[in-house]
């Protein structure tokens, strides 16, 4: 399996595509392109063109200094998930978001709560497309959003992708958080490829022939060491909403149907998956590792997603006076703690574009820039091993294999 990372602009817009294969999925230019079975894609903080302003242009006006690699979101496949990490306009850019299909049966928008409110206020998307990310808690299984990915062949075992939100604390600037994502591919054979599955022998596998899956159902208990699995969806063919509060995402092609569900979180070491999962953490402004620790020691361990496949985090450290929010981006000093504790295999720069910024809010900004060579050297000193380090330009891709 593999994770393909494509940088769409010079800042922090990425297309990330998980695939059950080792090769990067081919991405033709056809706007109605359907992704291969078993893939799972995420579009992160899209901002393609045009300026962004905060409150008033005299306070902050920001522009790209390098063009994005695509002029419109129709030039990429419809993503399964659009992740919006915060409500600031360089992350939650209305003009770019309006390039998405507002009635898409494929795409679900998952956003930081304030950003989700802002997107709903656009009154552009179907209400059931936009959902708030819940703060991760090891005591709240429903704080992890889980996508079940249909098996590639009938009778196979479904895969799973999970998304978790880790907000910052005492954050005056309200920009510091992290989003964790894991992926385990569906099996390509009829033999189970992991110790347990949410589908019992008497249950119908999620291989649907119709456009939308059947009504939500509670699935039976799996073998003794496994948790209780509950499946529930929000988006059905009757547009009714079930009692669960997590969304669902369904593609029109039966091989691409995805459903989001809420189920018991696996935290016991007796319930750890034996099959490895791919994982990444997206934290463009950084967040203290102490807030990630519980997520790593429970969820990432339980789904066998360590070492971390990818860290998307700023290299450069950006500071404002305390009365303007203090630290803006943690940069290398903050990211290295995350990379060290999660044994990250790769670190890709995020949110480090030299934008054209103007306004009162940036007059006192101080930036300490770090090259990828400095990042690589520091990681080698701290970890004692070579970590892949990259600063991708617009349009550049990187394939990370399991």
Protein backbone atom coordinates (compact mmCIF):
# COMPACT_ATOMS: atom_id res chain seq x y z
CA UNK A 1 0.00 0.00 0.00
CA UNK A 2 1.09 3.58 -0.47
CA UNK A 3 0.38 7.22 0.32
CA UNK A 4 0.79 9.75 -2.49
CA UNK A 5 1.25 13.37 -1.41
CA UNK A 6 0.70 16.11 -3.99
CA UNK A 7 1.32 19.75 -3.13
CA UNK A 8 -1.28 21.87 -4.91
CA UNK A 9 0.03 25.32 -3.99
CA UNK A 10 3.17 26.75 -2.41
CA UNK A 11 1.56 26.90 1.02
CA UNK A 12 -0.53 24.24 2.74
CA UNK A 13 -3.01 22.79 0.21
CA UNK A 14 -2.41 19.08 -0.35
CA UNK A 15 -4.07 16.15 -2.08
CA UNK A 16 -3.29 12.94 -0.21
CA UNK A 17 -4.29 9.61 -1.74
CA UNK A 18 -4.06 6.26 0.02
CA UNK A 19 -3.91 3.25 -2.26
CA UNK A 20 -3.85 -0.51 -1.59
CA UNK A 21 -1.10 -0.72 -4.20
CA UNK A 22 2.52 0.47 -4.04
CA UNK A 23 2.16 2.70 -7.08
CA UNK A 24 0.82 6.22 -7.28
CA UNK A 25 -2.76 6.14 -8.65
CA UNK A 26 -3.01 7.54 -12.16
CA UNK A 27 -4.83 10.88 -12.20
CA UNK A 28 -6.23 11.67 -15.66
CA UNK A 29 -7.61 15.11 -16.38
CA UNK A 30 -11.21 13.97 -16.92
CA UNK A 31 -13.35 15.81 -14.34
CA UNK A 32 -15.58 12.76 -13.72
CA UNK A 33 -12.62 10.46 -13.10
CA UNK A 34 -13.40 7.66 -10.61
CA UNK A 35 -10.61 6.53 -8.33
CA UNK A 36 -9.55 2.86 -8.35
CA UNK A 37 -11.22 0.56 -5.80
CA UNK A 38 -9.70 0.65 -2.35
CA UNK A 39 -8.28 4.17 -2.62
CA UNK A 40 -9.11 6.92 -0.15
CA UNK A 41 -8.31 10.57 -0.88
CA UNK A 42 -8.25 13.74 1.18
CA UNK A 43 -8.06 17.35 0.02
CA UNK A 44 -6.52 19.52 2.73
CA UNK A 45 -7.07 23.27 3.22
CA UNK A 46 -7.57 24.18 -0.46
CA UNK A 47 -6.63 27.72 -1.51
CA UNK A 48 -5.79 27.94 -5.19
CA UNK A 49 -5.83 31.61 -6.14
CA UNK A 50 -6.95 35.08 -5.18
CA UNK A 51 -6.16 37.06 -2.02
CA UNK A 52 -7.21 36.29 1.52
CA UNK A 53 -8.11 38.88 4.11
CA UNK A 54 -8.69 38.71 7.84
CA UNK A 55 -11.26 41.15 9.24
CA UNK A 56 -10.07 43.93 6.93
CA UNK A 57 -7.34 44.23 4.25
CA UNK A 58 -5.58 46.81 6.45
CA UNK A 59 -5.25 44.19 9.17
CA UNK A 60 -4.11 41.32 6.90
CA UNK A 61 -3.98 40.89 3.14
CA UNK A 62 -2.22 37.79 1.85
CA UNK A 63 -1.45 36.58 -1.68
CA UNK A 64 0.36 33.63 -3.20
CA UNK A 65 3.76 34.40 -4.68
CA UNK A 66 3.85 31.19 -6.74
CA UNK A 67 0.87 29.95 -8.80
CA UNK A 68 -0.93 26.78 -7.81
CA UNK A 69 -0.40 23.73 -10.00
CA UNK A 70 -4.09 23.61 -11.01
CA UNK A 71 -6.46 26.50 -11.83
CA UNK A 72 -9.60 24.77 -10.52
CA UNK A 73 -10.52 21.84 -8.27
CA UNK A 74 -12.25 20.16 -11.20
CA UNK A 75 -8.73 19.24 -12.39
CA UNK A 76 -8.37 16.63 -9.65
CA UNK A 77 -10.60 13.62 -8.82
CA UNK A 78 -13.42 14.34 -6.41
CA UNK A 79 -11.92 13.66 -2.97
CA UNK A 80 -13.59 11.44 -0.42
CA UNK A 81 -12.89 13.99 2.31
CA UNK A 82 -12.11 17.70 2.37
CA UNK A 83 -10.26 18.55 5.59
CA UNK A 84 -10.39 22.14 6.85
CA UNK A 85 -8.08 22.64 9.82
CA UNK A 86 -9.20 26.15 10.89
CA UNK A 87 -11.44 29.05 9.93
CA UNK A 88 -8.69 31.46 8.80
CA UNK A 89 -9.13 32.29 5.09
CA UNK A 90 -5.80 30.80 3.98
CA UNK A 91 -7.11 27.45 5.25
CA UNK A 92 -10.86 27.91 4.75
CA UNK A 93 -10.94 29.78 1.44
CA UNK A 94 -14.51 30.36 0.32
CA UNK A 95 -13.82 30.98 -3.38
CA UNK A 96 -11.88 27.71 -3.67
CA UNK A 97 -14.42 25.72 -1.66
CA UNK A 98 -17.14 26.89 -4.04
CA UNK A 99 -15.34 25.00 -6.79
CA UNK A 100 -16.49 21.74 -5.17
CA UNK A 101 -19.73 20.03 -6.20
CA UNK A 102 -22.25 21.21 -3.56
CA UNK A 103 -24.37 18.05 -3.96
CA UNK A 104 -21.58 15.51 -4.35
CA UNK A 105 -22.45 11.98 -3.18
CA UNK A 106 -18.70 11.30 -2.97
CA UNK A 107 -17.29 14.12 -0.86
CA UNK A 108 -17.69 14.84 2.86
CA UNK A 109 -16.32 18.06 4.35
CA UNK A 110 -14.84 17.65 7.84
CA UNK A 111 -13.85 20.93 9.43
CA UNK A 112 -12.65 22.43 12.68
CA UNK A 113 -15.86 23.51 14.48
CA UNK A 114 -15.54 27.25 13.81
CA UNK A 115 -14.65 26.55 10.19
CA UNK A 116 -17.61 24.18 9.84
CA UNK A 117 -19.93 26.94 11.07
CA UNK A 118 -18.38 29.32 8.53
CA UNK A 119 -18.84 26.81 5.68
CA UNK A 120 -22.46 26.13 6.63
CA UNK A 121 -22.99 29.89 6.64
CA UNK A 122 -22.06 29.94 2.96
CA UNK A 123 -25.37 28.11 2.31
CA UNK A 124 -23.71 26.50 -0.69
CA UNK A 125 -23.36 22.84 0.26
CA UNK A 126 -26.00 20.29 1.13
CA UNK A 127 -26.26 20.38 4.94
CA UNK A 128 -25.35 16.71 5.27
CA UNK A 129 -22.02 17.26 3.48
CA UNK A 130 -20.48 19.49 6.18
CA UNK A 131 -19.58 18.17 9.63
CA UNK A 132 -17.57 19.42 12.59
CA UNK A 133 -14.51 17.53 13.76
CA UNK A 134 -14.81 16.40 17.37
CA UNK A 135 -11.90 16.78 19.78
CA UNK A 136 -10.20 13.43 20.23
CA UNK A 137 -10.71 11.69 23.56
CA UNK A 138 -9.66 8.16 24.44
CA UNK A 139 -12.78 8.06 26.64
CA UNK A 140 -15.11 8.91 23.72
CA UNK A 141 -15.07 6.31 20.95
CA UNK A 142 -17.25 8.51 18.74
CA UNK A 143 -14.55 11.20 18.68
CA UNK A 144 -12.79 9.12 16.00
CA UNK A 145 -14.51 9.28 12.61
CA UNK A 146 -14.17 5.97 10.78
CA UNK A 147 -14.65 5.29 7.09
CA UNK A 148 -15.27 1.70 6.08
CA UNK A 149 -13.79 1.03 2.64
CA UNK A 150 -15.49 -1.78 0.66
CA UNK A 151 -13.43 -4.85 -0.23
CA UNK A 152 -11.91 -4.94 -3.69
CA UNK A 153 -13.49 -8.33 -4.42
CA UNK A 154 -16.80 -9.82 -3.20
CA UNK A 155 -16.22 -11.71 0.01
CA UNK A 156 -13.09 -9.75 0.85
CA UNK A 157 -12.43 -7.84 4.05
CA UNK A 158 -13.25 -4.10 4.11
CA UNK A 159 -10.58 -1.55 4.82
CA UNK A 160 -10.80 1.41 7.14
CA UNK A 161 -9.69 5.04 7.32
CA UNK A 162 -9.89 7.07 10.53
CA UNK A 163 -9.76 10.82 11.15
CA UNK A 164 -9.15 12.44 14.54
CA UNK A 165 -8.94 16.08 15.60
CA UNK A 166 -6.56 17.27 18.31
CA UNK A 167 -7.15 20.94 19.24
CA UNK A 168 -4.60 23.14 20.93
CA UNK A 169 -4.98 24.63 24.39
CA UNK A 170 -4.44 28.20 25.65
CA UNK A 171 -4.05 29.22 22.02
CA UNK A 172 -4.62 32.95 21.64
CA UNK A 173 -4.11 32.83 17.88
CA UNK A 174 -6.50 29.85 17.55
CA UNK A 175 -4.36 28.29 14.87
CA UNK A 176 -2.64 25.41 16.69
CA UNK A 177 -4.11 21.94 16.26
CA UNK A 178 -3.40 18.60 14.63
CA UNK A 179 -5.43 16.18 12.52
CA UNK A 180 -4.48 12.51 12.53
CA UNK A 181 -5.41 10.14 9.69
CA UNK A 182 -4.87 6.39 9.37
CA UNK A 183 -5.58 3.97 6.52
CA UNK A 184 -5.77 0.19 6.27
CA UNK A 185 -6.59 -1.10 2.77
CA UNK A 186 -9.35 -3.56 1.97
CA UNK A 187 -8.23 -7.09 1.15
CA UNK A 188 -7.99 -8.16 -2.46
CA UNK A 189 -8.79 -11.81 -1.68
CA UNK A 190 -11.60 -13.66 0.05
CA UNK A 191 -9.38 -14.73 2.96
CA UNK A 192 -9.35 -12.45 6.02
CA UNK A 193 -6.15 -10.45 6.25
CA UNK A 194 -6.46 -9.30 9.86
CA UNK A 195 -7.58 -10.84 13.17
CA UNK A 196 -11.14 -9.56 13.16
CA UNK A 197 -13.62 -7.68 11.02
CA UNK A 198 -16.82 -5.75 11.73
CA UNK A 199 -18.58 -8.07 9.27
CA UNK A 200 -19.55 -11.48 10.61
CA UNK A 201 -20.08 -14.55 8.43
CA UNK A 202 -23.83 -14.04 8.60
CA UNK A 203 -23.66 -10.35 7.79
CA UNK A 204 -23.85 -8.87 4.34
CA UNK A 205 -20.49 -7.31 3.40
CA UNK A 206 -20.54 -3.64 2.42
CA UNK A 207 -20.35 -4.39 -1.30
CA UNK A 208 -23.37 -2.54 -2.54
CA UNK A 209 -24.89 -2.84 -5.98
CA UNK A 210 -27.11 0.19 -5.63
CA UNK A 211 -26.03 3.81 -5.54
CA UNK A 212 -26.41 4.01 -1.77
CA UNK A 213 -25.89 1.41 0.97
CA UNK A 214 -28.75 -0.22 2.87
CA UNK A 215 -30.16 1.23 6.05
CA UNK A 216 -27.86 1.48 9.06
CA UNK A 217 -27.64 -1.58 11.24
CA UNK A 218 -25.94 -2.67 14.44
CA UNK A 219 -23.42 -5.34 13.66
CA UNK A 220 -22.96 -8.37 15.94
CA UNK A 221 -20.08 -8.84 18.34
CA UNK A 222 -16.92 -10.24 16.84
CA UNK A 223 -14.62 -12.71 18.65
CA UNK A 224 -14.05 -12.13 22.40
CA UNK A 225 -10.99 -9.87 22.10
CA UNK A 226 -12.76 -7.52 19.69
CA UNK A 227 -14.94 -4.53 20.56
CA UNK A 228 -18.59 -4.09 19.72
CA UNK A 229 -18.89 -2.67 16.23
CA UNK A 230 -21.71 -0.30 15.42
CA UNK A 231 -22.37 1.03 11.95
CA UNK A 232 -24.51 4.06 11.31
CA UNK A 233 -24.76 6.48 8.43
CA UNK A 234 -26.14 9.95 7.96
CA UNK A 235 -26.57 10.08 4.21
CA UNK A 236 -28.98 7.53 2.78
CA UNK A 237 -31.13 7.27 -0.30
CA UNK A 238 -34.05 8.70 1.67
CA UNK A 239 -31.94 11.56 3.05
CA UNK A 240 -32.87 10.57 6.60
CA UNK A 241 -30.48 10.98 9.50
CA UNK A 242 -29.88 8.21 11.99
CA UNK A 243 -29.18 8.59 15.68
CA UNK A 244 -25.42 8.67 15.16
CA UNK A 245 -23.86 12.07 14.72
CA UNK A 246 -21.05 11.19 12.33
CA UNK A 247 -21.39 11.68 8.57
CA UNK A 248 -21.19 9.27 5.68
CA UNK A 249 -19.75 9.50 2.23
CA UNK A 250 -20.99 7.42 -0.68
CA UNK A 251 -19.69 7.21 -4.18
CA UNK A 252 -21.97 6.40 -7.06
CA UNK A 253 -19.81 3.53 -8.29
CA UNK A 254 -20.52 0.41 -6.21
CA UNK A 255 -16.82 -0.34 -5.89
CA UNK A 256 -16.26 3.09 -4.37
CA UNK A 257 -19.01 3.19 -1.74
CA UNK A 258 -17.67 4.48 1.56
CA UNK A 259 -19.61 4.75 4.77
CA UNK A 260 -18.61 6.58 7.91
CA UNK A 261 -19.50 4.93 11.16
CA UNK A 262 -19.12 5.25 14.90
CA UNK A 263 -17.78 2.27 16.77
CA UNK A 264 -16.03 1.39 19.98
CA UNK A 265 -12.42 2.53 20.03
CA UNK A 266 -9.76 -0.16 20.43
CA UNK A 267 -7.32 0.68 23.18
CA UNK A 268 -6.37 -2.63 24.78
CA UNK A 269 -3.07 -4.14 23.69
CA UNK A 270 -4.97 -7.41 23.22
CA UNK A 271 -6.94 -5.74 20.42
CA UNK A 272 -4.07 -4.34 18.40
CA UNK A 273 -4.21 -5.08 14.68
CA UNK A 274 -1.42 -7.29 13.36
CA UNK A 275 -1.57 -5.67 9.91
CA UNK A 276 0.21 -2.35 9.63
CA UNK A 277 -1.61 0.85 8.71
CA UNK A 278 -0.38 4.01 7.04
CA UNK A 279 -0.74 7.24 8.99
CA UNK A 280 -0.10 10.95 8.83
CA UNK A 281 -0.46 13.94 11.11
CA UNK A 282 -1.28 17.32 9.61
CA UNK A 283 -0.33 20.24 11.86
CA UNK A 284 0.69 23.24 9.73
CA UNK A 285 1.05 25.61 12.70
CA UNK A 286 2.13 22.94 15.15
CA UNK A 287 0.76 21.74 18.47
CA UNK A 288 2.42 20.61 21.68
CA UNK A 289 3.20 16.90 21.59
CA UNK A 290 1.69 16.48 25.06
CA UNK A 291 -1.71 16.93 23.39
CA UNK A 292 -0.95 14.25 20.79
CA UNK A 293 0.41 11.72 23.28
CA UNK A 294 -2.96 10.19 24.25
CA UNK A 295 -3.95 9.82 20.59
CA UNK A 296 -0.66 8.13 19.79
CA UNK A 297 -0.60 5.78 22.76
CA UNK A 298 -4.20 4.63 22.30
CA UNK A 299 -5.49 5.02 18.77
CA UNK A 300 -2.29 4.87 16.70
CA UNK A 301 -1.12 1.87 18.71
CA UNK A 302 -4.47 0.09 18.41
CA UNK A 303 -4.58 0.36 14.62
CA UNK A 304 -0.86 -0.49 14.22
CA UNK A 305 -0.11 2.90 12.65
CA UNK A 306 3.32 3.48 14.17
CA UNK A 307 5.92 4.47 13.15
CA UNK A 308 4.14 7.49 11.69
CA UNK A 309 4.27 7.43 7.89
CA UNK A 310 4.20 11.21 7.38
CA UNK A 311 4.34 14.45 9.32
CA UNK A 312 2.98 17.54 7.53
CA UNK A 313 4.29 20.43 9.62
CA UNK A 314 5.95 23.81 9.12
CA UNK A 315 9.75 24.08 9.00
CA UNK A 316 9.80 27.83 9.73
CA UNK A 317 9.09 29.30 13.15
CA UNK A 318 6.90 32.42 13.11
CA UNK A 319 6.36 34.69 16.13
CA UNK A 320 4.10 37.66 16.80
CA UNK A 321 4.03 39.79 19.95
CA UNK A 322 1.92 38.21 22.68
CA UNK A 323 -0.86 40.76 22.23
CA UNK A 324 -1.18 39.69 18.57
CA UNK A 325 -1.40 36.00 19.41
CA UNK A 326 2.18 35.05 20.18
CA UNK A 327 3.51 32.00 18.35
CA UNK A 328 2.03 31.59 14.87
CA UNK A 329 3.96 28.55 13.63
CA UNK A 330 6.01 26.20 15.81
CA UNK A 331 8.36 25.26 12.97
CA UNK A 332 11.32 22.92 13.44
CA UNK A 333 11.60 23.34 17.24
CA UNK A 334 8.00 22.17 17.70
CA UNK A 335 7.81 19.62 14.92
CA UNK A 336 10.92 17.72 15.93
CA UNK A 337 9.29 16.62 19.19
CA UNK A 338 6.38 15.11 17.25
CA UNK A 339 8.68 13.46 14.72
CA UNK A 340 10.88 12.05 17.47
CA UNK A 341 8.09 10.61 19.62
CA UNK A 342 6.15 9.12 16.70
CA UNK A 343 9.28 7.91 14.86
CA UNK A 344 8.14 9.70 11.71
CA UNK A 345 9.45 8.19 8.47
CA UNK A 346 8.97 11.40 6.48
CA UNK A 347 8.48 15.10 7.20
CA UNK A 348 7.10 17.35 4.46
CA UNK A 349 7.04 21.12 4.87
CA UNK A 350 3.60 22.71 5.22
CA UNK A 351 2.58 26.37 5.37
CA UNK A 352 6.05 27.72 4.59
CA UNK A 353 5.33 29.72 1.43
CA UNK A 354 6.89 33.17 1.29
CA UNK A 355 3.53 34.85 0.72
CA UNK A 356 2.98 38.48 -0.10
CA UNK A 357 1.62 39.63 3.27
CA UNK A 358 0.59 43.15 4.19
CA UNK A 359 -1.30 44.78 7.03
CA UNK A 360 -1.02 45.67 10.70
CA UNK A 361 -0.94 42.04 11.86
CA UNK A 362 2.34 41.26 10.08
CA UNK A 363 4.29 44.44 10.83
CA UNK A 364 5.91 42.92 13.93
CA UNK A 365 6.17 39.29 12.75
CA UNK A 366 9.55 37.61 13.21
CA UNK A 367 10.36 34.51 11.16
CA UNK A 368 13.21 32.05 11.65
CA UNK A 369 13.52 30.06 8.43
CA UNK A 370 14.93 26.52 8.37
CA UNK A 371 16.18 24.70 5.27
CA UNK A 372 15.41 21.04 4.71
CA UNK A 373 19.11 20.32 5.28
CA UNK A 374 18.87 21.87 8.75
CA UNK A 375 15.73 19.86 9.46
CA UNK A 376 17.40 16.66 8.26
CA UNK A 377 20.51 17.30 10.35
CA UNK A 378 18.50 18.00 13.49
CA UNK A 379 16.41 14.86 12.98
CA UNK A 380 19.55 12.78 12.50
CA UNK A 381 20.97 14.13 15.75
CA UNK A 382 17.77 13.53 17.71
CA UNK A 383 16.64 10.24 16.17
CA UNK A 384 19.94 8.76 15.16
CA UNK A 385 18.51 7.70 11.80
CA UNK A 386 17.81 9.23 8.42
CA UNK A 387 14.30 10.64 8.08
CA UNK A 388 13.09 11.62 4.65
CA UNK A 389 12.65 15.40 4.53
CA UNK A 390 11.03 17.28 1.65
CA UNK A 391 9.84 20.73 0.67
CA UNK A 392 7.54 20.09 -2.30
CA UNK A 393 6.84 22.79 -4.83
CA UNK A 394 3.40 23.25 -6.42
CA UNK A 395 2.55 20.16 -8.45
CA UNK A 396 5.32 18.02 -6.95
CA UNK A 397 4.38 14.52 -5.75
CA UNK A 398 5.93 12.08 -3.31
CA UNK A 399 4.96 8.41 -2.91
CA UNK A 400 5.45 6.81 0.50
CA UNK A 401 5.22 3.02 0.56
CA UNK A 402 4.43 0.77 3.48
